[in-house]
Every structure is written in C-alpha cells, then in structure tokens.
Amino acid sequence: MWRKDDKCSVNTAAVVASVIEAVIPALSWRESMGLEFSR
C-alpha cells in the first residue's frame, strides 16, 4: 500500500514539475506579448 502511494506521489511530483516548467515560459511569453500589445 505505502509503496504504491510512494510511487504515485513521485509520479505526481514529476508531472507537476514538468507542467510548471511548461507553464512558466508560457506565462512569461504572455506577459511579454501583453507588454507589446499595450505599446
């Protein structure tokens, strides 16, 4: 039981990390685009 939960938590952490890595550049890109549009 605990081992399965451990694997799930590790997989979830890896997925969350990859999602954050993918989202942060998109957010910064949106912000830069917003700055360009505001000009």
Protein backbone atom coordinates (compact mmCIF):
# COMPACT_ATOMS: atom_id res chain seq x y z
CA MET A 1 0.00 0.00 0.00
CA TRP A 2 2.63 2.53 1.11
CA ARG A 3 4.98 1.64 -1.75
CA LYS A 4 2.22 2.20 -4.31
CA ASP A 5 1.34 5.54 -2.73
CA ASP A 6 5.02 6.47 -2.77
CA LYS A 7 5.29 5.75 -6.50
CA CYS A 8 2.10 7.72 -7.15
CA SER A 9 3.36 10.72 -5.19
CA VAL A 10 6.71 10.59 -7.02
CA ASN A 11 4.98 10.37 -10.41
CA THR A 12 2.62 13.21 -9.46
CA ALA A 13 5.57 15.35 -8.37
CA ALA A 14 7.33 14.68 -11.68
CA VAL A 15 4.17 15.55 -13.64
CA VAL A 16 3.63 18.73 -11.61
CA ALA A 17 7.26 19.74 -12.13
CA SER A 18 7.03 19.19 -15.90
CA VAL A 19 3.74 21.12 -16.03
CA ILE A 20 5.25 24.03 -14.07
CA GLU A 21 8.28 24.04 -16.38
CA ALA A 22 5.92 24.16 -19.38
CA VAL A 23 3.60 26.80 -17.87
CA ILE A 24 6.17 29.32 -16.57
CA PRO A 25 7.64 30.10 -20.05
CA ALA A 26 4.11 30.39 -21.44
CA LEU A 27 3.18 32.88 -18.69
CA SER A 28 6.33 34.95 -19.24
CA TRP A 29 5.64 34.82 -23.01
CA ARG A 30 2.09 36.03 -22.42
CA GLU A 31 3.36 38.85 -20.21
CA SER A 32 5.86 39.96 -22.86
CA MET A 33 3.13 39.77 -25.52
CA GLY A 34 0.83 41.82 -23.27
CA LEU A 35 3.56 44.45 -22.89
CA GLU A 36 3.98 44.57 -26.68
CA PHE A 37 0.21 44.91 -27.17
CA SER A 38 -0.05 47.66 -24.54
CA ARG A 39 2.53 49.66 -26.53
